Each structure stands twice: as C-alpha cells, then as structure tokens.
C-alpha cells in the first residue's frame, strides 16, 4: 500500500524499497505471516510516535484499583466499629476495594461464628455502596473478607458531583 493509501499490488522487495525511497518514506512490513507478506509505505517514526501517544492516552484513562485494609477485633466497641465503617465507605466511594481483617487473640478463635457475624454486620452497614467479593473466611488466626465498590460509573459520578457542589461562588448558611 502506498503512502497515500492506494494499493500498489504485488511488487518485488527491491521495487517496494525503491518506491519508498523516492517518496522519502519507509517500507514497513505490517503482516509478515500473509502470503505474500503485506508491506506499507509510511513514515515509521511518525507511526511509532502516534502509537506511543495512543498508549499514553489509554494509560491515562486507566483506573488503578487499590486494596485498603481495615483491621478489626471481635470485641470492638460500637463507636470504633462506626469509624471503621465510615472509612470503608469512603474507600469504596473512591473506587478502592476494602479488605476487612478480623484478628483473633487467644481463645477468641474458638468462637469464629461471632467473628463471622461481625463481618456480616460490617457488610450490612455498607451494603448500599459495596458488594461482597469474598465471603468471610478463617485464615490462621484471622478472618478475612473482601468488599468491592458497587459500581464504578456511580463512583465517578459521585466524585464529580461532590466537586461541583461547593463551587467558590456558592455561599451556604450553616
């Protein structure tokens, strides 16, 4: 294929290279496994630059999902539980996953069902903004549960709404 997009047909390699040199471009093999191999006359440096530019744009739009860990104990006080739930909700709204680790000490492990109930209570508190990705499971002296954000579109929309809510010109009476 020529630099202007027209088909040149089947040509010997030397002829293709000669045409490319005359036009000031490179002869680039685009489909080496085809019979005969398909080549294109193009500016290879410009092609590589545009390709890296597309890759940068794709990386920019990518969302890295972090896993935030919250550690609890079976005998946690109600206020502490509420603070942990509030932090977990914030992490989920930012689009991060939450790993809830319930740590048992001593003989507490013999009452794993209490830990399971506490994990499920934690999930029920966050049910509107989280889905249960991994059920509570005992691993050694810990019980681990993983929560994921309910849906990413809503997460992005909420953060945009929060930014627009308090614009500099607004005045709110408290």
Protein backbone atom coordinates (compact mmCIF):
# COMPACT_ATOMS: atom_id res chain seq x y z
CA UNK A 1 0.00 0.00 0.00
CA UNK A 2 1.35 3.41 -0.91
CA UNK A 3 1.80 6.38 1.44
CA UNK A 4 -1.44 7.91 0.12
CA UNK A 5 -3.43 4.72 0.88
CA UNK A 6 -3.65 3.30 -2.66
CA UNK A 7 -2.87 -0.35 -3.41
CA UNK A 8 0.30 -0.83 -5.43
CA UNK A 9 -0.19 -4.57 -5.98
CA UNK A 10 2.35 -7.34 -5.60
CA UNK A 11 5.85 -5.99 -6.09
CA UNK A 12 9.33 -7.41 -5.52
CA UNK A 13 11.05 -6.23 -2.33
CA UNK A 14 13.64 -4.09 -4.18
CA UNK A 15 10.89 -2.33 -6.16
CA UNK A 16 8.94 -1.56 -2.97
CA UNK A 17 12.07 -0.18 -1.29
CA UNK A 18 12.84 1.97 -4.37
CA UNK A 19 9.33 3.49 -4.39
CA UNK A 20 9.54 4.18 -0.64
CA UNK A 21 12.94 5.87 -1.02
CA UNK A 22 11.67 8.06 -3.89
CA UNK A 23 8.77 9.29 -1.74
CA UNK A 24 11.03 9.79 1.30
CA UNK A 25 9.24 7.18 3.44
CA UNK A 26 9.97 3.76 4.92
CA UNK A 27 8.76 0.34 3.74
CA UNK A 28 7.14 -1.30 6.79
CA UNK A 29 6.05 -4.92 6.93
CA UNK A 30 2.58 -4.97 8.54
CA UNK A 31 1.56 -8.62 8.02
CA UNK A 32 4.64 -10.86 7.80
CA UNK A 33 2.69 -14.14 8.03
CA UNK A 34 0.48 -13.37 4.99
CA UNK A 35 1.28 -14.93 1.58
CA UNK A 36 2.77 -12.75 0.10
CA UNK A 37 3.81 -10.55 3.08
CA UNK A 38 1.93 -7.22 3.24
CA UNK A 39 4.03 -4.04 3.39
CA UNK A 40 3.09 -0.39 3.66
CA UNK A 41 4.92 2.77 2.67
CA UNK A 42 4.81 5.17 5.63
CA UNK A 43 6.84 7.43 7.88
CA UNK A 44 7.83 4.89 10.53
CA UNK A 45 8.98 7.50 13.08
CA UNK A 46 5.63 9.28 12.89
CA UNK A 47 3.82 5.92 13.19
CA UNK A 48 5.78 4.98 16.34
CA UNK A 49 5.14 8.43 17.85
CA UNK A 50 1.37 8.20 17.24
CA UNK A 51 1.31 4.67 18.64
CA UNK A 52 3.08 5.75 21.86
CA UNK A 53 0.69 8.72 22.10
CA UNK A 54 -2.32 6.36 21.91
CA UNK A 55 -0.77 4.12 24.60
CA UNK A 56 -0.22 7.14 26.90
CA UNK A 57 -3.87 8.17 26.46
CA UNK A 58 -5.02 4.64 27.27
CA UNK A 59 -2.86 4.58 30.43
CA UNK A 60 -4.24 7.96 31.48
CA UNK A 61 -7.83 6.66 31.33
CA UNK A 62 -6.95 3.53 33.28
CA UNK A 63 -8.13 3.30 36.90
CA UNK A 64 -5.79 1.58 39.35
CA UNK A 65 -7.78 -0.27 41.99
CA UNK A 66 -6.08 -0.31 45.36
CA UNK A 67 -6.95 -2.65 48.20
CA UNK A 68 -7.30 -0.85 51.52
CA UNK A 69 -7.15 -2.98 54.65
CA UNK A 70 -9.16 -2.41 57.82
CA UNK A 71 -8.33 -4.41 60.93
CA UNK A 72 -11.00 -5.24 63.49
CA UNK A 73 -11.20 -7.27 66.68
CA UNK A 74 -14.17 -9.40 67.77
CA UNK A 75 -14.78 -7.25 70.89
CA UNK A 76 -14.77 -3.92 69.03
CA UNK A 77 -16.74 -1.08 70.61
CA UNK A 78 -19.70 0.35 68.70
CA UNK A 79 -18.11 3.76 68.07
CA UNK A 80 -14.88 2.20 66.78
CA UNK A 81 -16.98 -0.04 64.54
CA UNK A 82 -18.80 3.03 63.16
CA UNK A 83 -15.49 4.82 62.46
CA UNK A 84 -14.15 1.78 60.59
CA UNK A 85 -17.39 1.52 58.57
CA UNK A 86 -17.22 5.22 57.70
CA UNK A 87 -13.61 4.85 56.50
CA UNK A 88 -14.55 1.76 54.48
CA UNK A 89 -17.43 3.66 52.84
CA UNK A 90 -15.02 6.47 51.89
CA UNK A 91 -12.54 3.96 50.39
CA UNK A 92 -15.33 2.30 48.39
CA UNK A 93 -16.60 5.63 47.08
CA UNK A 94 -13.06 6.44 45.90
CA UNK A 95 -13.18 3.19 43.89
CA UNK A 96 -10.88 1.10 46.09
CA UNK A 97 -11.54 -2.41 47.37
CA UNK A 98 -11.63 -2.98 51.12
CA UNK A 99 -10.05 -5.98 52.84
CA UNK A 100 -11.56 -6.47 56.28
CA UNK A 101 -9.27 -8.45 58.59
CA UNK A 102 -10.77 -9.63 61.86
CA UNK A 103 -7.93 -10.58 64.22
CA UNK A 104 -8.49 -13.19 66.91
CA UNK A 105 -6.35 -13.46 70.06
CA UNK A 106 -6.02 -16.40 72.36
CA UNK A 107 -9.22 -18.43 72.70
CA UNK A 108 -11.33 -16.00 70.68
CA UNK A 109 -10.71 -18.18 67.62
CA UNK A 110 -12.92 -20.90 69.16
CA UNK A 111 -15.89 -18.55 68.61
CA UNK A 112 -15.35 -17.98 64.89
CA UNK A 113 -19.11 -17.66 64.39
CA UNK A 114 -19.04 -14.39 66.39
CA UNK A 115 -16.38 -13.09 64.02
CA UNK A 116 -18.45 -14.18 61.03
CA UNK A 117 -21.49 -12.37 62.44
CA UNK A 118 -19.40 -9.21 62.97
CA UNK A 119 -18.12 -9.37 59.37
CA UNK A 120 -21.65 -9.75 58.04
CA UNK A 121 -22.81 -6.84 60.24
CA UNK A 122 -19.99 -4.76 58.72
CA UNK A 123 -21.10 -5.73 55.22
CA UNK A 124 -24.77 -4.96 56.01
CA UNK A 125 -23.71 -1.46 57.14
CA UNK A 126 -22.02 -0.89 53.74
CA UNK A 127 -24.45 -2.85 51.57
CA UNK A 128 -25.58 0.23 49.60
CA UNK A 129 -22.04 1.02 48.40
CA UNK A 130 -20.32 -2.41 48.44
CA UNK A 131 -20.64 -5.90 47.10
CA UNK A 132 -19.23 -8.91 48.90
CA UNK A 133 -16.38 -10.10 46.70
CA UNK A 134 -15.03 -12.73 49.09
CA UNK A 135 -17.05 -14.28 51.91
CA UNK A 136 -15.57 -14.12 55.45
CA UNK A 137 -13.12 -17.00 55.79
CA UNK A 138 -10.78 -18.01 58.61
CA UNK A 139 -7.10 -18.00 57.61
CA UNK A 140 -4.88 -18.84 60.55
CA UNK A 141 -5.82 -16.52 63.46
CA UNK A 142 -7.56 -14.02 61.15
CA UNK A 143 -10.87 -13.91 59.37
CA UNK A 144 -10.70 -12.15 56.02
CA UNK A 145 -13.46 -10.63 53.91
CA UNK A 146 -13.09 -8.51 50.75
CA UNK A 147 -15.58 -5.83 49.67
CA UNK A 148 -15.63 -4.15 46.25
CA UNK A 149 -17.33 -0.91 45.15
CA UNK A 150 -20.92 -1.48 43.99
CA UNK A 151 -20.39 0.07 40.51
CA UNK A 152 -17.63 2.20 39.02
CA UNK A 153 -19.87 4.57 36.99
CA UNK A 154 -21.66 5.68 40.15
CA UNK A 155 -18.33 6.14 41.95
CA UNK A 156 -17.01 8.50 39.25
CA UNK A 157 -20.33 10.36 39.07
CA UNK A 158 -20.42 10.89 42.85
CA UNK A 159 -16.91 12.36 42.96
CA UNK A 160 -17.72 14.75 40.09
CA UNK A 161 -20.93 15.81 41.85
CA UNK A 162 -19.08 16.41 45.12
CA UNK A 163 -16.57 18.67 43.33
CA UNK A 164 -19.30 20.72 41.66
CA UNK A 165 -21.35 21.02 44.85
CA UNK A 166 -19.07 23.50 46.64
CA UNK A 167 -18.05 25.96 43.96
CA UNK A 168 -16.24 29.14 45.09
CA UNK A 169 -19.23 31.44 44.30
CA UNK A 170 -21.67 29.43 46.44
CA UNK A 171 -22.44 30.51 49.94
CA UNK A 172 -24.16 28.17 52.32
CA UNK A 173 -25.62 29.08 55.65
CA UNK A 174 -24.82 26.69 58.44
